[in-house]
Amino acid sequence: MPVVLNADDFSALQGIAQWLMQKTGIYYSDSKLETLKHKLFKVCLDNRLTLSQLCTQLYNGDGQKTPLSLQVVAAASTNYTAFFREDIWDWFRYEILSDVMSRTQQIRIWSAAVSSGEEAYTIAMVAAECMGIEQLMQRVAILGTDISFQTLRQAEDAIYPIDKLSNIPLDYKDKYFSLCNNQSHCMVVHKALRSICLFRRMNLKKRPYPFKRRFHIIFCRNVLYYFTPIERERIVNALYDFTENNGWLIVSVTESLTSMNTRWKKIKGKTGIYRKE
């Protein structure tokens, strides 16, 4: 049975949701306030604040620049992520990546909601399998962006607990990971894969995007639902403008562009895969 929020918490969460909307574009409707409360539990606990006190401090603070406000943005925007999430990777390797490799030498890939790096390193592993480590380092550049400094630090560290690696095929794990200083509870991504991945903070709502060159492949998965329908449409159209002709967009299998006024062409029979023509 859903938990009923008391009046004080409901009011505070509405205020926090409005602050998030103003500062980041992240959207929590009233029906999602219980989810927001759950995500902010540790922030309140660590800072010994009630939700009402947290709301007050956010509005008294300096935008997103205070440690507390950065914690709130990180907590509110962080979602479940995993290596090899969703069943798209064979199609990515044999159709999308093979197509791009046949048309260009230098391949630019953007993971637009990279979180703690699992998606970027999955892309790197699949590309390494497709072309080998030497070619990977010469031909592929992966940019991972996220709104959370906290998760980006984790991505840059490239260190993951053993239980986070359960989705990775054993032969991939042997080739692309090593134990952390001989510790058995965590592993670190191979240096060659780390060398082609660059991580930067970015809010997808803030446009124009700061890129000089377009991308051949963009992953934008499990993030669009954080925005209003109008903002989602603006984002996917901005992604289109920063994609090379005949380039690719991959969204989550649970997300669809069907209801949007967009120039992307859906690939028939493939959920979540679109192309720029």
Foldseek 3Di string as FASTA:
>chain_A
DDDDDDPLLLVLLVLVQVLCCVQFQFHDDSVCSVVLCVLCVVLCVVVVHDSNRLSVVCVVDDRCPDPSSLSSNLSSQDDDDAAPPDDCLVCCLPPAVVVVVVPDLAAEEEAEACFLNRDLLNVLLSVCVNPNLVSSLVHYAYEYEHQHPVSLVNNLQQKDFPVRCPVPPPVSCVVFWDCDVPDDGMIGGHPSSSVRYHYDYDRLQDDDDPDPAAHQEYEHEPRLVRHDPVSSLVSVQSNLVRHDAFGKYFYDLVDDCVVHPHQWADDPPDRRITTHD
